[in-house]
N, C-alpha and C. Protein backbone atom coordinates (compact mmCIF):
# COMPACT_ATOMS: atom_id res chain seq x y z
N MET A 1 -206.76 -52.88 91.37
CA MET A 1 -205.92 -53.43 92.40
C MET A 1 -204.92 -54.36 91.75
N GLY A 2 -203.81 -54.56 92.41
CA GLY A 2 -202.77 -55.42 91.88
C GLY A 2 -201.44 -54.99 92.42
N GLU A 3 -200.40 -55.36 91.71
CA GLU A 3 -199.06 -55.11 92.20
C GLU A 3 -198.66 -53.66 92.00
N ALA A 4 -198.04 -53.10 93.01
CA ALA A 4 -197.46 -51.77 92.93
C ALA A 4 -195.95 -51.94 92.96
N THR A 5 -195.24 -50.95 92.44
CA THR A 5 -193.79 -51.05 92.42
C THR A 5 -193.18 -49.96 93.27
N SER A 6 -191.96 -50.23 93.75
CA SER A 6 -191.23 -49.23 94.51
C SER A 6 -190.50 -48.33 93.54
N GLY A 7 -189.79 -47.36 94.05
CA GLY A 7 -189.08 -46.39 93.23
C GLY A 7 -188.07 -47.02 92.28
N ASP A 8 -187.47 -48.15 92.65
CA ASP A 8 -186.48 -48.78 91.78
C ASP A 8 -187.11 -49.77 90.81
N GLY A 9 -188.44 -49.84 90.77
CA GLY A 9 -189.13 -50.73 89.83
C GLY A 9 -189.39 -52.12 90.38
N SER A 10 -188.85 -52.45 91.55
CA SER A 10 -189.09 -53.76 92.12
C SER A 10 -190.44 -53.78 92.82
N PRO A 11 -191.05 -54.97 92.93
CA PRO A 11 -192.35 -55.03 93.62
C PRO A 11 -192.22 -54.52 95.06
N GLY A 12 -193.15 -53.68 95.44
CA GLY A 12 -193.12 -53.11 96.78
C GLY A 12 -194.27 -53.59 97.64
N HIS A 13 -195.46 -53.56 97.11
CA HIS A 13 -196.63 -54.03 97.85
C HIS A 13 -197.74 -54.32 96.86
N ALA A 14 -198.79 -54.96 97.33
CA ALA A 14 -199.91 -55.28 96.46
C ALA A 14 -201.16 -55.48 97.29
N VAL A 15 -202.29 -55.16 96.70
CA VAL A 15 -203.60 -55.39 97.29
C VAL A 15 -204.44 -56.04 96.20
N PHE A 16 -205.02 -57.20 96.51
CA PHE A 16 -205.78 -57.94 95.52
C PHE A 16 -207.21 -58.18 95.99
N ASP A 17 -208.11 -58.17 95.06
CA ASP A 17 -209.51 -58.50 95.31
C ASP A 17 -209.67 -60.00 95.07
N VAL A 18 -209.61 -60.77 96.15
CA VAL A 18 -209.67 -62.24 96.04
C VAL A 18 -211.01 -62.67 95.44
N ALA A 19 -212.10 -62.03 95.85
CA ALA A 19 -213.41 -62.40 95.32
C ALA A 19 -213.46 -62.20 93.80
N ALA A 20 -212.84 -61.14 93.30
CA ALA A 20 -212.80 -60.93 91.85
C ALA A 20 -211.99 -62.03 91.16
N GLY A 21 -210.91 -62.46 91.81
CA GLY A 21 -210.13 -63.58 91.26
C GLY A 21 -210.94 -64.85 91.20
N VAL A 22 -211.75 -65.09 92.22
CA VAL A 22 -212.62 -66.28 92.22
C VAL A 22 -213.65 -66.16 91.11
N ARG A 23 -214.23 -64.97 90.94
CA ARG A 23 -215.23 -64.77 89.88
C ARG A 23 -214.62 -64.95 88.49
N ALA A 24 -213.32 -64.73 88.35
CA ALA A 24 -212.64 -64.88 87.06
C ALA A 24 -212.45 -66.35 86.68
N LEU A 25 -212.61 -67.26 87.65
CA LEU A 25 -212.46 -68.68 87.34
C LEU A 25 -213.65 -69.15 86.51
N PRO A 26 -213.42 -69.98 85.50
CA PRO A 26 -214.54 -70.44 84.67
C PRO A 26 -215.49 -71.36 85.45
N GLU A 27 -216.74 -71.38 85.01
CA GLU A 27 -217.75 -72.27 85.62
C GLU A 27 -217.43 -73.73 85.37
N THR A 28 -216.89 -74.03 84.20
CA THR A 28 -216.50 -75.39 83.85
C THR A 28 -215.11 -75.34 83.22
N ALA A 29 -214.45 -76.48 83.19
CA ALA A 29 -213.14 -76.56 82.56
C ALA A 29 -212.90 -77.97 82.07
N ASP A 30 -212.14 -78.09 81.00
CA ASP A 30 -211.74 -79.40 80.49
C ASP A 30 -210.64 -80.01 81.35
N THR A 31 -209.98 -79.18 82.14
CA THR A 31 -208.90 -79.63 83.02
C THR A 31 -209.46 -79.94 84.41
N MET A 32 -208.63 -80.55 85.24
CA MET A 32 -209.04 -80.87 86.61
C MET A 32 -209.13 -79.60 87.47
N VAL A 33 -208.27 -78.63 87.17
CA VAL A 33 -208.11 -77.42 87.98
C VAL A 33 -207.93 -76.22 87.05
N ALA A 34 -208.42 -75.06 87.47
CA ALA A 34 -208.10 -73.79 86.80
C ALA A 34 -207.67 -72.81 87.87
N ASP A 35 -206.69 -71.98 87.55
CA ASP A 35 -206.27 -71.01 88.56
C ASP A 35 -206.17 -69.60 88.00
N HIS A 36 -206.16 -68.66 88.92
CA HIS A 36 -205.98 -67.24 88.62
C HIS A 36 -204.87 -66.76 89.55
N ARG A 37 -203.77 -66.32 88.97
CA ARG A 37 -202.61 -65.92 89.78
C ARG A 37 -202.67 -64.44 90.13
N PHE A 38 -202.36 -64.17 91.38
CA PHE A 38 -202.21 -62.80 91.84
C PHE A 38 -200.75 -62.38 91.78
N THR A 39 -199.86 -63.26 92.24
CA THR A 39 -198.42 -62.98 92.21
C THR A 39 -197.70 -64.19 91.65
N ASP A 40 -196.54 -63.93 91.08
CA ASP A 40 -195.75 -64.99 90.48
C ASP A 40 -194.27 -64.66 90.64
N ASP A 41 -193.89 -64.29 91.85
CA ASP A 41 -192.51 -63.93 92.15
C ASP A 41 -191.69 -65.18 92.42
N PRO A 42 -190.38 -65.15 92.20
CA PRO A 42 -189.56 -66.33 92.47
C PRO A 42 -189.69 -66.85 93.91
N ALA A 43 -189.88 -65.96 94.88
CA ALA A 43 -189.96 -66.38 96.28
C ALA A 43 -191.28 -67.04 96.63
N ALA A 44 -192.36 -66.64 95.94
CA ALA A 44 -193.68 -67.18 96.27
C ALA A 44 -194.67 -66.81 95.17
N SER A 45 -195.68 -67.65 95.01
CA SER A 45 -196.79 -67.31 94.13
C SER A 45 -198.07 -67.38 94.96
N ALA A 46 -199.00 -66.52 94.64
CA ALA A 46 -200.30 -66.51 95.31
C ALA A 46 -201.36 -66.58 94.24
N ARG A 47 -202.38 -67.42 94.47
CA ARG A 47 -203.40 -67.64 93.46
C ARG A 47 -204.66 -68.18 94.10
N VAL A 48 -205.74 -68.15 93.35
CA VAL A 48 -206.93 -68.89 93.71
C VAL A 48 -207.08 -69.97 92.64
N PHE A 49 -207.60 -71.12 93.06
CA PHE A 49 -207.87 -72.15 92.07
C PHE A 49 -209.12 -72.93 92.43
N ARG A 50 -209.77 -73.41 91.38
CA ARG A 50 -210.98 -74.21 91.54
C ARG A 50 -210.68 -75.64 91.09
N VAL A 51 -211.16 -76.60 91.86
CA VAL A 51 -211.02 -78.01 91.52
C VAL A 51 -212.35 -78.45 90.92
N TYR A 52 -212.33 -78.92 89.67
CA TYR A 52 -213.55 -79.27 88.94
C TYR A 52 -213.90 -80.74 89.02
N ARG A 53 -212.89 -81.57 89.23
CA ARG A 53 -213.11 -83.01 89.29
C ARG A 53 -212.04 -83.61 90.19
N PRO A 54 -212.25 -84.81 90.66
CA PRO A 54 -211.23 -85.45 91.50
C PRO A 54 -209.87 -85.45 90.82
N THR A 55 -208.83 -85.28 91.62
CA THR A 55 -207.46 -85.29 91.08
C THR A 55 -206.74 -86.55 91.54
N PRO A 56 -205.98 -87.17 90.65
CA PRO A 56 -205.23 -88.37 91.05
C PRO A 56 -204.04 -87.99 91.92
N PRO A 57 -203.46 -88.96 92.62
CA PRO A 57 -202.29 -88.66 93.45
C PRO A 57 -201.17 -88.03 92.62
N HIS A 58 -200.64 -86.93 93.16
CA HIS A 58 -199.59 -86.19 92.49
C HIS A 58 -198.77 -85.41 93.52
N SER A 59 -197.65 -84.88 93.07
CA SER A 59 -196.82 -84.05 93.94
C SER A 59 -196.22 -82.92 93.12
N HIS A 60 -195.59 -81.98 93.82
CA HIS A 60 -194.91 -80.85 93.19
C HIS A 60 -193.47 -80.86 93.69
N ASP A 61 -192.53 -80.71 92.77
CA ASP A 61 -191.11 -80.81 93.11
C ASP A 61 -190.50 -79.52 93.64
N THR A 62 -191.11 -78.38 93.33
CA THR A 62 -190.41 -77.11 93.57
C THR A 62 -190.98 -76.25 94.70
N CYS A 63 -192.09 -76.65 95.31
CA CYS A 63 -192.67 -75.73 96.30
C CYS A 63 -193.43 -76.45 97.40
N ASP A 64 -193.57 -75.75 98.51
CA ASP A 64 -194.48 -76.12 99.58
C ASP A 64 -195.79 -75.38 99.29
N GLU A 65 -196.92 -75.98 99.65
CA GLU A 65 -198.21 -75.35 99.38
C GLU A 65 -198.96 -75.06 100.68
N TYR A 66 -199.59 -73.91 100.70
CA TYR A 66 -200.45 -73.48 101.80
C TYR A 66 -201.81 -73.19 101.17
N LEU A 67 -202.79 -74.06 101.40
CA LEU A 67 -204.10 -73.94 100.78
C LEU A 67 -205.15 -73.58 101.82
N TYR A 68 -205.89 -72.52 101.56
CA TYR A 68 -206.98 -72.09 102.43
C TYR A 68 -208.28 -72.27 101.65
N ALA A 69 -209.17 -73.12 102.13
CA ALA A 69 -210.42 -73.39 101.44
C ALA A 69 -211.37 -72.20 101.59
N LEU A 70 -211.80 -71.66 100.45
CA LEU A 70 -212.73 -70.53 100.44
C LEU A 70 -214.18 -70.98 100.31
N SER A 71 -214.40 -72.04 99.52
CA SER A 71 -215.77 -72.54 99.34
C SER A 71 -215.71 -74.00 98.94
N GLY A 72 -216.86 -74.66 99.05
CA GLY A 72 -216.98 -76.06 98.69
C GLY A 72 -216.48 -76.98 99.78
N ARG A 73 -216.57 -78.25 99.52
CA ARG A 73 -216.04 -79.28 100.42
C ARG A 73 -215.50 -80.42 99.56
N CYS A 74 -214.41 -81.00 100.02
CA CYS A 74 -213.83 -82.13 99.30
C CYS A 74 -213.13 -83.05 100.29
N LEU A 75 -212.75 -84.19 99.80
CA LEU A 75 -211.86 -85.07 100.55
C LEU A 75 -210.48 -84.88 99.98
N MET A 76 -209.49 -84.76 100.85
CA MET A 76 -208.09 -84.70 100.43
C MET A 76 -207.37 -85.86 101.07
N ARG A 77 -206.42 -86.38 100.32
CA ARG A 77 -205.64 -87.52 100.81
C ARG A 77 -204.16 -87.21 100.65
N PHE A 78 -203.38 -87.59 101.64
CA PHE A 78 -201.94 -87.39 101.64
C PHE A 78 -201.28 -88.75 101.75
N GLY A 79 -200.56 -89.15 100.69
CA GLY A 79 -199.92 -90.45 100.68
C GLY A 79 -200.95 -91.55 100.87
N ASP A 80 -200.65 -92.46 101.80
CA ASP A 80 -201.55 -93.59 102.07
C ASP A 80 -202.47 -93.35 103.25
N GLU A 81 -202.48 -92.12 103.79
CA GLU A 81 -203.34 -91.81 104.92
C GLU A 81 -204.81 -91.81 104.52
N ALA A 82 -205.68 -91.93 105.49
CA ALA A 82 -207.12 -91.85 105.23
C ALA A 82 -207.46 -90.43 104.75
N PRO A 83 -208.41 -90.30 103.84
CA PRO A 83 -208.81 -88.96 103.39
C PRO A 83 -209.38 -88.13 104.53
N VAL A 84 -209.18 -86.81 104.44
CA VAL A 84 -209.74 -85.87 105.41
C VAL A 84 -210.67 -84.92 104.68
N GLU A 85 -211.73 -84.51 105.36
CA GLU A 85 -212.66 -83.55 104.75
C GLU A 85 -212.11 -82.15 104.92
N VAL A 86 -212.19 -81.38 103.84
CA VAL A 86 -211.71 -80.00 103.81
C VAL A 86 -212.86 -79.13 103.34
N GLY A 87 -213.09 -78.02 104.05
CA GLY A 87 -214.15 -77.10 103.68
C GLY A 87 -213.77 -75.68 104.04
N PRO A 88 -214.68 -74.73 103.86
CA PRO A 88 -214.38 -73.32 104.09
C PRO A 88 -213.75 -73.08 105.47
N GLY A 89 -212.68 -72.32 105.45
CA GLY A 89 -211.98 -72.00 106.69
C GLY A 89 -210.89 -72.98 107.06
N THR A 90 -210.70 -74.04 106.28
CA THR A 90 -209.67 -75.03 106.55
C THR A 90 -208.37 -74.62 105.88
N LEU A 91 -207.28 -74.68 106.62
CA LEU A 91 -205.94 -74.43 106.08
C LEU A 91 -205.23 -75.77 105.96
N VAL A 92 -204.74 -76.06 104.76
CA VAL A 92 -204.02 -77.30 104.47
C VAL A 92 -202.60 -76.92 104.08
N VAL A 93 -201.61 -77.55 104.72
CA VAL A 93 -200.20 -77.25 104.45
C VAL A 93 -199.49 -78.56 104.14
N PHE A 94 -198.72 -78.57 103.04
CA PHE A 94 -197.89 -79.74 102.76
C PHE A 94 -196.63 -79.30 102.03
N LYS A 95 -195.58 -80.06 102.28
CA LYS A 95 -194.26 -79.76 101.75
C LYS A 95 -194.09 -80.31 100.34
N ARG A 96 -193.12 -79.76 99.63
CA ARG A 96 -192.81 -80.26 98.28
C ARG A 96 -192.53 -81.76 98.34
N GLY A 97 -192.96 -82.45 97.32
CA GLY A 97 -192.75 -83.89 97.24
C GLY A 97 -193.81 -84.73 97.91
N VAL A 98 -194.68 -84.13 98.72
CA VAL A 98 -195.74 -84.90 99.39
C VAL A 98 -196.82 -85.25 98.36
N VAL A 99 -197.11 -86.53 98.25
CA VAL A 99 -198.15 -86.98 97.32
C VAL A 99 -199.51 -86.66 97.94
N HIS A 100 -200.35 -86.01 97.15
CA HIS A 100 -201.68 -85.62 97.62
C HIS A 100 -202.67 -85.77 96.47
N SER A 101 -203.95 -85.82 96.83
CA SER A 101 -205.00 -85.95 95.83
C SER A 101 -206.32 -85.43 96.40
N VAL A 102 -207.27 -85.24 95.51
CA VAL A 102 -208.65 -84.94 95.88
C VAL A 102 -209.48 -86.09 95.32
N PRO A 103 -209.72 -87.12 96.14
CA PRO A 103 -210.47 -88.27 95.63
C PRO A 103 -211.96 -88.01 95.44
N ALA A 104 -212.50 -86.96 96.08
CA ALA A 104 -213.93 -86.67 95.93
C ALA A 104 -214.22 -85.20 96.20
N ILE A 105 -215.09 -84.63 95.38
CA ILE A 105 -215.63 -83.29 95.64
C ILE A 105 -217.03 -83.50 96.20
N LEU A 106 -217.25 -82.99 97.40
CA LEU A 106 -218.51 -83.21 98.10
C LEU A 106 -219.50 -82.07 97.89
N GLU A 107 -218.99 -80.85 97.65
CA GLU A 107 -219.84 -79.68 97.45
C GLU A 107 -219.07 -78.70 96.57
N GLU A 108 -219.73 -78.17 95.57
CA GLU A 108 -219.08 -77.23 94.65
C GLU A 108 -219.57 -75.81 94.89
N PRO A 109 -218.81 -74.80 94.46
CA PRO A 109 -217.50 -74.90 93.86
C PRO A 109 -216.40 -75.07 94.91
N MET A 110 -215.46 -75.95 94.64
CA MET A 110 -214.32 -76.19 95.53
C MET A 110 -213.21 -75.23 95.12
N VAL A 111 -213.03 -74.18 95.94
CA VAL A 111 -212.09 -73.11 95.61
C VAL A 111 -211.12 -72.91 96.77
N PHE A 112 -209.84 -72.81 96.43
CA PHE A 112 -208.77 -72.58 97.40
C PHE A 112 -208.04 -71.29 97.09
N LEU A 113 -207.57 -70.61 98.14
CA LEU A 113 -206.55 -69.58 98.03
C LEU A 113 -205.25 -70.29 98.34
N SER A 114 -204.26 -70.14 97.46
CA SER A 114 -203.01 -70.86 97.61
C SER A 114 -201.83 -69.91 97.64
N VAL A 115 -200.91 -70.16 98.57
CA VAL A 115 -199.61 -69.50 98.58
C VAL A 115 -198.58 -70.62 98.46
N ASP A 116 -197.73 -70.52 97.45
CA ASP A 116 -196.73 -71.55 97.17
C ASP A 116 -195.35 -70.95 97.39
N THR A 117 -194.52 -71.63 98.19
CA THR A 117 -193.18 -71.12 98.46
C THR A 117 -192.14 -72.19 98.17
N PRO A 118 -191.11 -71.88 97.40
CA PRO A 118 -191.10 -70.73 96.50
C PRO A 118 -192.15 -70.88 95.42
N ARG A 119 -192.14 -70.01 94.47
CA ARG A 119 -193.13 -69.99 93.38
C ARG A 119 -193.37 -71.38 92.82
N ARG A 120 -194.64 -71.67 92.51
CA ARG A 120 -194.98 -72.93 91.85
C ARG A 120 -195.17 -72.66 90.37
N ALA A 121 -194.32 -73.27 89.56
CA ALA A 121 -194.47 -73.16 88.12
C ALA A 121 -195.71 -73.95 87.71
N PRO A 122 -196.49 -73.46 86.75
CA PRO A 122 -197.72 -74.13 86.35
C PRO A 122 -197.52 -75.59 85.91
N ARG A 123 -196.39 -75.91 85.36
CA ARG A 123 -196.16 -77.28 84.88
C ARG A 123 -195.47 -78.16 85.91
N ASP A 124 -195.29 -77.65 87.13
CA ASP A 124 -194.66 -78.44 88.19
C ASP A 124 -195.68 -79.40 88.79
N ILE A 125 -195.83 -80.53 88.16
CA ILE A 125 -196.71 -81.58 88.68
C ILE A 125 -196.15 -82.93 88.24
N ARG A 126 -196.10 -83.83 89.20
CA ARG A 126 -195.63 -85.19 88.93
C ARG A 126 -196.71 -86.14 89.42
N PHE A 127 -197.32 -86.89 88.50
CA PHE A 127 -198.37 -87.83 88.85
C PHE A 127 -197.74 -89.11 89.39
N ALA A 128 -198.32 -89.65 90.47
CA ALA A 128 -197.77 -90.83 91.13
C ALA A 128 -197.87 -92.06 90.24
N GLU A 129 -198.90 -92.12 89.40
CA GLU A 129 -199.09 -93.25 88.50
C GLU A 129 -199.08 -92.75 87.06
N ALA A 130 -198.25 -93.35 86.24
CA ALA A 130 -198.19 -92.98 84.83
C ALA A 130 -199.56 -93.12 84.19
N GLY A 131 -199.87 -92.18 83.28
CA GLY A 131 -201.12 -92.25 82.55
C GLY A 131 -202.32 -91.63 83.24
N THR A 132 -202.14 -91.07 84.46
CA THR A 132 -203.29 -90.49 85.17
C THR A 132 -203.45 -89.00 84.90
N GLY A 133 -202.48 -88.38 84.24
CA GLY A 133 -202.60 -86.96 83.93
C GLY A 133 -201.31 -86.40 83.39
N THR A 134 -201.42 -85.18 82.86
CA THR A 134 -200.29 -84.41 82.37
C THR A 134 -200.46 -82.99 82.86
N PRO A 135 -199.42 -82.15 82.77
CA PRO A 135 -199.61 -80.75 83.15
C PRO A 135 -200.76 -80.09 82.38
N ASP A 136 -200.93 -80.49 81.11
CA ASP A 136 -201.98 -79.87 80.29
C ASP A 136 -203.38 -80.33 80.66
N THR A 137 -203.53 -81.56 81.16
CA THR A 137 -204.85 -82.03 81.58
C THR A 137 -205.14 -81.63 83.02
N PHE A 138 -204.10 -81.25 83.75
CA PHE A 138 -204.27 -80.90 85.16
C PHE A 138 -204.80 -79.49 85.36
N MET A 139 -204.12 -78.48 84.78
CA MET A 139 -204.45 -77.11 85.15
C MET A 139 -204.57 -76.18 83.96
N ARG A 140 -205.61 -75.37 84.01
CA ARG A 140 -205.80 -74.26 83.07
C ARG A 140 -205.63 -72.98 83.85
N GLN A 141 -204.89 -72.06 83.31
CA GLN A 141 -204.71 -70.77 83.95
C GLN A 141 -205.60 -69.73 83.29
N THR A 142 -206.08 -68.79 84.10
CA THR A 142 -206.84 -67.67 83.57
C THR A 142 -206.04 -66.41 83.84
N GLU A 143 -206.33 -65.38 83.12
CA GLU A 143 -205.63 -64.10 83.31
C GLU A 143 -206.29 -63.30 84.40
């Protein structure tokens, strides 16, 4: 399964095994997050990612994120608002530039299906406080 192309070579349609993408995520990681990308088109990227440890407040400059929790439970915080609990079946939506974090993982594995519009480049992360992370300490990608 994966991307199919139309007659002119451009992407036409795709069918992905999300569960296989989740299984491809490592059990542990040195980074806060690891992801497995299904699509990486300029208009949007689709991926699954696992959160391994709490993430400090950060934002993304280039995309809006649509996160659907597949497993686990965590607290998510947006700006200075009180944290909200997120678990399986929860859809979380936030626009580019919105500062967000995962201050606590309550149940593992914390896995999300994410659609980013437009595409989210892997290094598109801006930490709210200097010294709390880098793109390299934040996310590991898997094939």
